[in-house]
PDB file of all heavy atoms in Angstrom:
ATOM      1  N   GLN A   1      57.435 129.530  78.465  1.00  0.00           N
ATOM      2  CA  GLN A   1      57.972 130.834  78.826  1.00  0.00           C
ATOM      3  C   GLN A   1      57.923 131.029  80.333  1.00  0.00           C
ATOM      4  O   GLN A   1      57.174 130.343  81.037  1.00  0.00           O
ATOM      5  CB  GLN A   1      57.162 131.950  78.147  1.00  0.00           C
ATOM      6  CG  GLN A   1      57.231 131.936  76.623  1.00  0.00           C
ATOM      7  CD  GLN A   1      56.390 133.037  76.006  1.00  0.00           C
ATOM      8  OE1 GLN A   1      55.424 133.500  76.601  1.00  0.00           O
ATOM      9  NE2 GLN A   1      56.767 133.454  74.815  1.00  0.00           N
ATOM     10  N   VAL A   2      58.712 131.988  80.826  1.00  0.00           N
ATOM     11  CA  VAL A   2      58.636 132.353  82.238  1.00  0.00           C
ATOM     12  C   VAL A   2      57.222 132.873  82.507  1.00  0.00           C
ATOM     13  O   VAL A   2      56.718 133.726  81.765  1.00  0.00           O
ATOM     14  CB  VAL A   2      59.670 133.448  82.584  1.00  0.00           C
ATOM     15  CG1 VAL A   2      59.533 133.881  84.038  1.00  0.00           C
ATOM     16  CG2 VAL A   2      61.074 132.933  82.322  1.00  0.00           C
ATOM     17  N   PRO A   3      56.525 132.360  83.528  1.00  0.00           N
ATOM     18  CA  PRO A   3      55.154 132.806  83.793  1.00  0.00           C
ATOM     19  C   PRO A   3      55.110 134.256  84.272  1.00  0.00           C
ATOM     20  O   PRO A   3      56.129 134.841  84.635  1.00  0.00           O
ATOM     21  CB  PRO A   3      54.684 131.843  84.888  1.00  0.00           C
ATOM     22  CG  PRO A   3      55.939 131.375  85.550  1.00  0.00           C
ATOM     23  CD  PRO A   3      56.979 131.330  84.474  1.00  0.00           C
ATOM     24  N   SER A   4      53.922 134.822  84.287  1.00  0.00           N
ATOM     25  CA  SER A   4      53.733 136.203  84.723  1.00  0.00           C
ATOM     26  C   SER A   4      53.883 136.316  86.236  1.00  0.00           C
ATOM     27  O   SER A   4      53.379 135.468  86.982  1.00  0.00           O
ATOM     28  CB  SER A   4      52.339 136.695  84.319  1.00  0.00           C
ATOM     29  OG  SER A   4      52.046 137.926  84.967  1.00  0.00           O
ATOM     30  N   PRO A   5      54.558 137.364  86.726  1.00  0.00           N
ATOM     31  CA  PRO A   5      54.689 137.540  88.174  1.00  0.00           C
ATOM     32  C   PRO A   5      53.376 137.863  88.874  1.00  0.00           C
ATOM     33  O   PRO A   5      53.316 137.853  90.110  1.00  0.00           O
ATOM     34  CB  PRO A   5      55.685 138.700  88.302  1.00  0.00           C
ATOM     35  CG  PRO A   5      55.619 139.420  87.001  1.00  0.00           C
ATOM     36  CD  PRO A   5      55.317 138.375  85.974  1.00  0.00           C
ATOM     37  N   THR A   6      52.316 138.131  88.116  1.00  0.00           N
ATOM     38  CA  THR A   6      51.005 138.310  88.736  1.00  0.00           C
ATOM     39  C   THR A   6      50.298 136.982  88.960  1.00  0.00           C
ATOM     40  O   THR A   6      49.260 136.934  89.620  1.00  0.00           O
ATOM     41  CB  THR A   6      50.103 139.212  87.872  1.00  0.00           C
ATOM     42  OG1 THR A   6      49.952 138.617  86.575  1.00  0.00           O
ATOM     43  CG2 THR A   6      50.700 140.604  87.728  1.00  0.00           C
ATOM     44  N   ALA A   7      50.851 135.894  88.396  1.00  0.00           N
ATOM     45  CA  ALA A   7      50.201 134.584  88.516  1.00  0.00           C
ATOM     46  C   ALA A   7      51.247 133.479  88.472  1.00  0.00           C
ATOM     47  O   ALA A   7      51.258 132.648  87.556  1.00  0.00           O
ATOM     48  CB  ALA A   7      49.178 134.406  87.389  1.00  0.00           C
ATOM     49  N   TRP A   8      52.166 133.476  89.457  1.00  0.00           N
ATOM     50  CA  TRP A   8      53.130 132.386  89.515  1.00  0.00           C
ATOM     51  C   TRP A   8      52.390 131.059  89.686  1.00  0.00           C
ATOM     52  O   TRP A   8      51.401 130.994  90.408  1.00  0.00           O
ATOM     53  CB  TRP A   8      54.085 132.562  90.688  1.00  0.00           C
ATOM     54  CG  TRP A   8      55.007 133.752  90.675  1.00  0.00           C
ATOM     55  CD1 TRP A   8      55.229 134.614  91.708  1.00  0.00           C
ATOM     56  CD2 TRP A   8      55.861 134.200  89.618  1.00  0.00           C
ATOM     57  NE1 TRP A   8      56.157 135.569  91.372  1.00  0.00           N
ATOM     58  CE2 TRP A   8      56.571 135.333  90.079  1.00  0.00           C
ATOM     59  CE3 TRP A   8      56.103 133.746  88.319  1.00  0.00           C
ATOM     60  CZ2 TRP A   8      57.491 136.019  89.304  1.00  0.00           C
ATOM     61  CZ3 TRP A   8      57.020 134.438  87.537  1.00  0.00           C
ATOM     62  CH2 TRP A   8      57.698 135.554  88.032  1.00  0.00           C
ATOM     63  N   PRO A   9      52.847 129.998  89.061  1.00  0.00           N
ATOM     64  CA  PRO A   9      52.194 128.690  89.236  1.00  0.00           C
ATOM     65  C   PRO A   9      52.282 128.212  90.679  1.00  0.00           C
ATOM     66  O   PRO A   9      53.221 128.553  91.410  1.00  0.00           O
ATOM     67  CB  PRO A   9      52.998 127.768  88.311  1.00  0.00           C
ATOM     68  CG  PRO A   9      53.706 128.664  87.356  1.00  0.00           C
ATOM     69  CD  PRO A   9      53.965 129.936  88.108  1.00  0.00           C
ATOM     70  N   GLY A  10      51.303 127.424  91.107  1.00  0.00           N
ATOM     71  CA  GLY A  10      51.367 126.804  92.417  1.00  0.00           C
ATOM     72  C   GLY A  10      52.395 125.694  92.449  1.00  0.00           C
ATOM     73  O   GLY A  10      52.835 125.201  91.408  1.00  0.00           O
ATOM     74  N   GLY A  11      52.777 125.269  93.638  1.00  0.00           N
ATOM     75  CA  GLY A  11      53.783 124.227  93.770  1.00  0.00           C
ATOM     76  C   GLY A  11      55.131 124.731  93.307  1.00  0.00           C
ATOM     77  O   GLY A  11      55.503 125.887  93.529  1.00  0.00           O
ATOM     78  N   CYS A  12      55.894 123.878  92.652  1.00  0.00           N
ATOM     79  CA  CYS A  12      57.147 124.304  92.045  1.00  0.00           C
ATOM     80  C   CYS A  12      56.818 125.181  90.844  1.00  0.00           C
ATOM     81  O   CYS A  12      56.061 124.777  89.960  1.00  0.00           O
ATOM     82  CB  CYS A  12      57.966 123.096  91.603  1.00  0.00           C
ATOM     83  SG  CYS A  12      59.425 123.540  90.621  1.00  0.00           S
ATOM     84  N   ARG A  13      57.399 126.360  90.782  1.00  0.00           N
ATOM     85  CA  ARG A  13      57.044 127.299  89.722  1.00  0.00           C
ATOM     86  C   ARG A  13      57.556 126.869  88.351  1.00  0.00           C
ATOM     87  O   ARG A  13      57.097 127.384  87.327  1.00  0.00           O
ATOM     88  CB  ARG A  13      57.561 128.691  90.081  1.00  0.00           C
ATOM     89  CG  ARG A  13      56.844 129.250  91.305  1.00  0.00           C
ATOM     90  CD  ARG A  13      57.322 130.616  91.718  1.00  0.00           C
ATOM     91  NE  ARG A  13      56.578 131.046  92.900  1.00  0.00           N
ATOM     92  CZ  ARG A  13      56.778 132.182  93.541  1.00  0.00           C
ATOM     93  NH1 ARG A  13      57.698 133.029  93.124  1.00  0.00           N
ATOM     94  NH2 ARG A  13      56.052 132.487  94.607  1.00  0.00           N
ATOM     95  N   PHE A  14      58.482 125.932  88.327  1.00  0.00           N
ATOM     96  CA  PHE A  14      59.007 125.460  87.055  1.00  0.00           C
ATOM     97  C   PHE A  14      58.246 124.249  86.531  1.00  0.00           C
ATOM     98  O   PHE A  14      58.463 123.822  85.390  1.00  0.00           O
ATOM     99  CB  PHE A  14      60.499 125.107  87.217  1.00  0.00           C
ATOM    100  CG  PHE A  14      61.190 124.758  85.923  1.00  0.00           C
ATOM    101  CD1 PHE A  14      61.258 125.664  84.873  1.00  0.00           C
ATOM    102  CD2 PHE A  14      61.787 123.515  85.757  1.00  0.00           C
ATOM    103  CE1 PHE A  14      61.897 125.337  83.677  1.00  0.00           C
ATOM    104  CE2 PHE A  14      62.429 123.183  84.573  1.00  0.00           C
ATOM    105  CZ  PHE A  14      62.488 124.098  83.531  1.00  0.00           C
ATOM    106  N   HIS A  15      57.317 123.705  87.327  1.00  0.00           N
ATOM    107  CA  HIS A  15      56.724 122.413  86.953  1.00  0.00           C
ATOM    108  C   HIS A  15      55.984 122.426  85.609  1.00  0.00           C
ATOM    109  O   HIS A  15      55.985 121.408  84.909  1.00  0.00           O
ATOM    110  CB  HIS A  15      55.815 121.878  88.079  1.00  0.00           C
ATOM    111  CG  HIS A  15      54.403 122.361  88.045  1.00  0.00           C
ATOM    112  ND1 HIS A  15      53.951 123.429  88.804  1.00  0.00           N
ATOM    113  CD2 HIS A  15      53.320 121.927  87.347  1.00  0.00           C
ATOM    114  CE1 HIS A  15      52.675 123.626  88.572  1.00  0.00           C
ATOM    115  NE2 HIS A  15      52.262 122.730  87.706  1.00  0.00           N
ATOM    116  N   PRO A  16      55.350 123.548  85.167  1.00  0.00           N
ATOM    117  CA  PRO A  16      54.692 123.480  83.852  1.00  0.00           C
ATOM    118  C   PRO A  16      55.667 123.287  82.689  1.00  0.00           C
ATOM    119  O   PRO A  16      55.258 122.882  81.602  1.00  0.00           O
ATOM    120  CB  PRO A  16      53.989 124.843  83.750  1.00  0.00           C
ATOM    121  CG  PRO A  16      53.818 125.299  85.165  1.00  0.00           C
ATOM    122  CD  PRO A  16      55.057 124.828  85.856  1.00  0.00           C
ATOM    123  N   ARG A  17      56.953 123.564  82.907  1.00  0.00           N
ATOM    124  CA  ARG A  17      57.943 123.444  81.838  1.00  0.00           C
ATOM    125  C   ARG A  17      58.923 122.301  82.081  1.00  0.00           C
ATOM    126  O   ARG A  17      59.827 122.084  81.283  1.00  0.00           O
ATOM    127  CB  ARG A  17      58.725 124.758  81.715  1.00  0.00           C
ATOM    128  CG  ARG A  17      57.863 125.979  81.547  1.00  0.00           C
ATOM    129  CD  ARG A  17      58.693 127.257  81.604  1.00  0.00           C
ATOM    130  NE  ARG A  17      59.584 127.389  80.462  1.00  0.00           N
ATOM    131  CZ  ARG A  17      60.506 128.350  80.359  1.00  0.00           C
ATOM    132  NH1 ARG A  17      60.667 129.227  81.342  1.00  0.00           N
ATOM    133  NH2 ARG A  17      61.266 128.416  79.283  1.00  0.00           N
ATOM    134  N   CYS A  18      58.760 121.587  83.171  1.00  0.00           N
ATOM    135  CA  CYS A  18      59.761 120.614  83.598  1.00  0.00           C
ATOM    136  C   CYS A  18      59.462 119.217  83.055  1.00  0.00           C
ATOM    137  O   CYS A  18      58.338 118.714  83.209  1.00  0.00           O
ATOM    138  CB  CYS A  18      59.828 120.564  85.121  1.00  0.00           C
ATOM    139  SG  CYS A  18      61.053 119.400  85.775  1.00  0.00           S
ATOM    140  N   PRO A  19      60.441 118.531  82.459  1.00  0.00           N
ATOM    141  CA  PRO A  19      60.198 117.189  81.928  1.00  0.00           C
ATOM    142  C   PRO A  19      60.066 116.129  83.018  1.00  0.00           C
ATOM    143  O   PRO A  19      59.639 115.012  82.730  1.00  0.00           O
ATOM    144  CB  PRO A  19      61.447 116.923  81.073  1.00  0.00           C
ATOM    145  CG  PRO A  19      62.519 117.752  81.694  1.00  0.00           C
ATOM    146  CD  PRO A  19      61.817 118.992  82.173  1.00  0.00           C
ATOM    147  N   PHE A  20      60.412 116.454  84.279  1.00  0.00           N
ATOM    148  CA  PHE A  20      60.345 115.477  85.366  1.00  0.00           C
ATOM    149  C   PHE A  20      59.119 115.661  86.260  1.00  0.00           C
ATOM    150  O   PHE A  20      58.934 114.917  87.209  1.00  0.00           O
ATOM    151  CB  PHE A  20      61.601 115.587  86.243  1.00  0.00           C
ATOM    152  CG  PHE A  20      62.881 115.394  85.504  1.00  0.00           C
ATOM    153  CD1 PHE A  20      63.683 116.475  85.186  1.00  0.00           C
ATOM    154  CD2 PHE A  20      63.296 114.129  85.111  1.00  0.00           C
ATOM    155  CE1 PHE A  20      64.876 116.307  84.507  1.00  0.00           C
ATOM    156  CE2 PHE A  20      64.488 113.947  84.435  1.00  0.00           C
ATOM    157  CZ  PHE A  20      65.278 115.039  84.125  1.00  0.00           C
ATOM    158  N   ALA A  21      58.291 116.667  86.021  1.00  0.00           N
ATOM    159  CA  ALA A  21      57.234 117.044  86.962  1.00  0.00           C
ATOM    160  C   ALA A  21      56.209 115.925  87.164  1.00  0.00           C
ATOM    161  O   ALA A  21      55.864 115.203  86.222  1.00  0.00           O
ATOM    162  CB  ALA A  21      56.541 118.306  86.462  1.00  0.00           C
ATOM    163  N   TRP A  22      55.734 115.784  88.408  1.00  0.00           N
ATOM    164  CA  TRP A  22      54.634 114.887  88.737  1.00  0.00           C
ATOM    165  C   TRP A  22      53.744 115.588  89.752  1.00  0.00           C
ATOM    166  O   TRP A  22      53.912 116.780  90.010  1.00  0.00           O
ATOM    167  CB  TRP A  22      55.156 113.529  89.209  1.00  0.00           C
ATOM    168  CG  TRP A  22      55.749 113.451  90.598  1.00  0.00           C
ATOM    169  CD1 TRP A  22      55.143 113.004  91.720  1.00  0.00           C
ATOM    170  CD2 TRP A  22      57.077 113.829  90.998  1.00  0.00           C
ATOM    171  NE1 TRP A  22      55.994 113.063  92.799  1.00  0.00           N
ATOM    172  CE2 TRP A  22      57.199 113.562  92.371  1.00  0.00           C
ATOM    173  CE3 TRP A  22      58.186 114.361  90.327  1.00  0.00           C
ATOM    174  CZ2 TRP A  22      58.361 113.826  93.096  1.00  0.00           C
ATOM    175  CZ3 TRP A  22      59.344 114.605  91.039  1.00  0.00           C
ATOM    176  CH2 TRP A  22      59.422 114.342  92.402  1.00  0.00           C
ATOM    177  N   GLU A  23      52.774 114.859  90.320  1.00  0.00           N
ATOM    178  CA  GLU A  23      51.735 115.499  91.119  1.00  0.00           C
ATOM    179  C   GLU A  23      52.283 116.357  92.259  1.00  0.00           C
ATOM    180  O   GLU A  23      51.787 117.458  92.522  1.00  0.00           O
ATOM    181  CB  GLU A  23      50.778 114.437  91.694  1.00  0.00           C
ATOM    182  CG  GLU A  23      49.888 113.746  90.679  1.00  0.00           C
ATOM    183  CD  GLU A  23      50.562 112.507  90.116  1.00  0.00           C
ATOM    184  OE1 GLU A  23      51.799 112.392  90.223  1.00  0.00           O
ATOM    185  OE2 GLU A  23      49.846 111.656  89.547  1.00  0.00           O
ATOM    186  N   LEU A  24      53.302 115.867  92.964  1.00  0.00           N
ATOM    187  CA  LEU A  24      53.859 116.609  94.090  1.00  0.00           C
ATOM    188  C   LEU A  24      54.374 117.976  93.661  1.00  0.00           C
ATOM    189  O   LEU A  24      54.223 118.967  94.391  1.00  0.00           O
ATOM    190  CB  LEU A  24      54.983 115.804  94.739  1.00  0.00           C
ATOM    191  CG  LEU A  24      55.723 116.475  95.898  1.00  0.00           C
ATOM    192  CD1 LEU A  24      54.775 116.746  97.066  1.00  0.00           C
ATOM    193  CD2 LEU A  24      56.909 115.626  96.355  1.00  0.00           C
ATOM    194  N   CYS A  25      54.959 118.051  92.477  1.00  0.00           N
ATOM    195  CA  CYS A  25      55.533 119.301  91.991  1.00  0.00           C
ATOM    196  C   CYS A  25      54.465 120.382  91.821  1.00  0.00           C
ATOM    197  O   CYS A  25      54.715 121.568  92.071  1.00  0.00           O
ATOM    198  CB  CYS A  25      56.248 119.076  90.666  1.00  0.00           C
ATOM    199  SG  CYS A  25      57.525 117.806  90.732  1.00  0.00           S
ATOM    200  N   ALA A  26      53.282 119.989  91.387  1.00  0.00           N
ATOM    201  CA  ALA A  26      52.201 120.951  91.205  1.00  0.00           C
ATOM    202  C   ALA A  26      51.488 121.270  92.513  1.00  0.00           C
ATOM    203  O   ALA A  26      50.879 122.334  92.648  1.00  0.00           O
ATOM    204  CB  ALA A  26      51.194 120.398  90.195  1.00  0.00           C
ATOM    205  N   ALA A  27      51.595 120.377  93.503  1.00  0.00           N
ATOM    206  CA  ALA A  27      50.812 120.534  94.736  1.00  0.00           C
ATOM    207  C   ALA A  27      51.550 121.294  95.825  1.00  0.00           C
ATOM    208  O   ALA A  27      50.920 122.003  96.619  1.00  0.00           O
ATOM    209  CB  ALA A  27      50.403 119.157  95.264  1.00  0.00           C
ATOM    210  N   GLU A  28      52.877 121.177  95.875  1.00  0.00           N
ATOM    211  CA  GLU A  28      53.600 121.718  97.025  1.00  0.00           C
ATOM    212  C   GLU A  28      54.915 122.367  96.590  1.00  0.00           C
ATOM    213  O   GLU A  28      55.703 121.737  95.876  1.00  0.00           O
ATOM    214  CB  GLU A  28      53.893 120.601  98.033  1.00  0.00           C
ATOM    215  CG  GLU A  28      54.473 121.088  99.348  1.00  0.00           C
ATOM    216  CD  GLU A  28      54.611 119.962 100.354  1.00  0.00           C
ATOM    217  OE1 GLU A  28      54.005 118.889 100.128  1.00  0.00           O
ATOM    218  OE2 GLU A  28      55.339 120.150 101.343  1.00  0.00           O
ATOM    219  N   PRO A  29      55.166 123.604  97.008  1.00  0.00           N
ATOM    220  CA  PRO A  29      56.433 124.241  96.631  1.00  0.00           C
ATOM    221  C   PRO A  29      57.604 123.597  97.351  1.00  0.00           C
ATOM    222  O   PRO A  29      57.552 123.382  98.563  1.00  0.00           O
ATOM    223  CB  PRO A  29      56.246 125.697  97.065  1.00  0.00           C
ATOM    224  CG  PRO A  29      55.203 125.657  98.129  1.00  0.00           C
ATOM    225  CD  PRO A  29      54.296 124.517  97.771  1.00  0.00           C
ATOM    226  N   PRO A  30      58.665 123.265  96.640  1.00  0.00           N
ATOM    227  CA  PRO A  30      59.822 122.631  97.286  1.00  0.00           C
ATOM    228  C   PRO A  30      60.682 123.660  98.016  1.00  0.00           C
ATOM    229  O   PRO A  30      60.764 124.819  97.599  1.00  0.00           O
ATOM    230  CB  PRO A  30      60.592 122.025  96.109  1.00  0.00           C
ATOM    231  CG  PRO A  30      60.262 122.927  94.960  1.00  0.00           C
ATOM    232  CD  PRO A  30      58.843 123.388  95.181  1.00  0.00           C
ATOM    233  N   PRO A  31      61.342 123.258  99.095  1.00  0.00           N
ATOM    234  CA  PRO A  31      62.322 124.121  99.746  1.00  0.00           C
ATOM    235  C   PRO A  31      63.653 124.017  99.019  1.00  0.00           C
ATOM    236  O   PRO A  31      63.793 123.260  98.059  1.00  0.00           O
ATOM    237  CB  PRO A  31      62.413 123.526 101.156  1.00  0.00           C
ATOM    238  CG  PRO A  31      62.191 122.062 100.929  1.00  0.00           C
ATOM    239  CD  PRO A  31      61.191 121.966  99.788  1.00  0.00           C
ATOM    240  N   LEU A  32      64.629 124.780  99.469  1.00  0.00           N
ATOM    241  CA  LEU A  32      65.981 124.615  98.964  1.00  0.00           C
ATOM    242  C   LEU A  32      66.627 123.434  99.683  1.00  0.00           C
ATOM    243  O   LEU A  32      66.876 123.496 100.888  1.00  0.00           O
ATOM    244  CB  LEU A  32      66.801 125.887  99.193  1.00  0.00           C
ATOM    245  CG  LEU A  32      66.682 126.994  98.143  1.00  0.00           C
ATOM    246  CD1 LEU A  32      67.345 128.268  98.640  1.00  0.00           C
ATOM    247  CD2 LEU A  32      67.301 126.559  96.814  1.00  0.00           C
ATOM    248  N   PHE A  33      66.876 122.363  98.967  1.00  0.00           N
ATOM    249  CA  PHE A  33      67.516 121.185  99.543  1.00  0.00           C
ATOM    250  C   PHE A  33      69.034 121.327  99.441  1.00  0.00           C
ATOM    251  O   PHE A  33      69.546 121.824  98.442  1.00  0.00           O
ATOM    252  CB  PHE A  33      67.088 119.912  98.797  1.00  0.00           C
ATOM    253  CG  PHE A  33      65.660 119.523  99.008  1.00  0.00           C
ATOM    254  CD1 PHE A  33      64.682 119.898  98.102  1.00  0.00           C
ATOM    255  CD2 PHE A  33      65.284 118.782 100.122  1.00  0.00           C
ATOM    256  CE1 PHE A  33      63.358 119.538  98.292  1.00  0.00           C
ATOM    257  CE2 PHE A  33      63.963 118.413 100.318  1.00  0.00           C
ATOM    258  CZ  PHE A  33      62.989 118.797  99.415  1.00  0.00           C
ATOM    259  N   GLN A  34      69.715 120.875 100.492  1.00  0.00           N
ATOM    260  CA  GLN A  34      71.175 120.876 100.464  1.00  0.00           C
ATOM    261  C   GLN A  34      71.651 119.628  99.726  1.00  0.00           C
ATOM    262  O   GLN A  34      71.336 118.510 100.117  1.00  0.00           O
ATOM    263  CB  GLN A  34      71.723 120.864 101.892  1.00  0.00           C
ATOM    264  CG  GLN A  34      73.141 121.371 102.015  1.00  0.00           C
ATOM    265  CD  GLN A  34      73.227 122.878 101.886  1.00  0.00           C
ATOM    266  OE1 GLN A  34      72.376 123.591 102.397  1.00  0.00           O
ATOM    267  NE2 GLN A  34      74.248 123.364 101.198  1.00  0.00           N
TER     268      GLN A  34
END
């Protein structure tokens, strides 16, 4: 589910639900890449 706005996940906010997530996704929020 979409996480609570009082506790957004660290790193990429979608990483707990993402089938591609790895360590970097949980450690660092990504910017908008062109």
